[in-house]
Amino acid sequence: MATRVIVTTETGTEVLDEEDEVLESYPDDQHEPTLARFLAQGWEVEEDGP
């Protein structure tokens, strides 16, 4: 199964794949909307936190 990592810092939010390639990038904090979108698409959360 594919892996996606949502990384949010003071410079914005990025979505990375299993090889740390950037799939999506936002200049602001989009962690919650991005997480909600992935969950709505059927993705499972393995870990969420700092």
Protein backbone atom coordinates (compact mmCIF):
# COMPACT_ATOMS: atom_id res chain seq x y z
CA MET A 1 0.00 0.00 0.00
CA ALA A 2 1.21 3.50 -0.78
CA THR A 3 2.26 5.86 1.98
CA ARG A 4 1.62 9.58 2.29
CA VAL A 5 3.17 11.85 4.90
CA ILE A 6 1.70 15.27 5.68
CA VAL A 7 4.38 17.60 7.03
CA THR A 8 3.35 21.00 8.41
CA THR A 9 5.83 23.61 9.59
CA GLU A 10 5.83 27.39 9.95
CA THR A 11 6.56 27.58 6.20
CA GLY A 12 3.50 25.57 5.12
CA THR A 13 2.30 22.04 4.43
CA GLU A 14 3.75 19.39 2.13
CA VAL A 15 2.46 15.95 1.20
CA LEU A 16 5.25 13.43 0.61
CA ASP A 17 5.21 9.95 -0.86
CA GLU A 18 7.10 6.91 0.45
CA GLU A 19 10.29 8.14 -1.27
CA ASP A 20 9.99 11.65 0.25
CA GLU A 21 9.01 13.15 -3.11
CA VAL A 22 6.78 16.22 -2.73
CA LEU A 23 3.33 15.51 -4.18
CA GLU A 24 1.56 18.63 -2.90
CA SER A 25 2.80 21.87 -1.38
CA TYR A 26 0.92 24.72 0.31
CA PRO A 27 2.39 28.01 1.59
CA ASP A 28 0.25 27.91 4.74
CA ASP A 29 -1.05 25.39 7.29
CA GLN A 30 -3.28 22.97 5.38
CA HIS A 31 -2.74 19.96 7.65
CA GLU A 32 -6.34 19.49 8.82
CA PRO A 33 -8.04 19.99 5.41
CA THR A 34 -5.48 17.73 3.74
CA LEU A 35 -5.88 15.04 6.41
CA ALA A 36 -9.68 15.24 6.09
CA ARG A 37 -9.44 14.85 2.30
CA PHE A 38 -7.23 11.76 2.58
CA LEU A 39 -9.54 10.21 5.19
CA ALA A 40 -12.55 10.87 2.95
CA GLN A 41 -10.70 9.06 0.15
CA GLY A 42 -10.32 5.99 2.38
CA TRP A 43 -6.73 6.44 3.53
CA GLU A 44 -5.84 5.21 7.02
CA VAL A 45 -3.90 7.24 9.58
CA GLU A 46 -0.95 5.43 11.08
CA GLU A 47 0.29 8.33 13.19
CA ASP A 48 -0.69 11.99 13.69
CA GLY A 49 1.33 14.32 15.83
CA PRO A 50 4.62 16.12 16.22
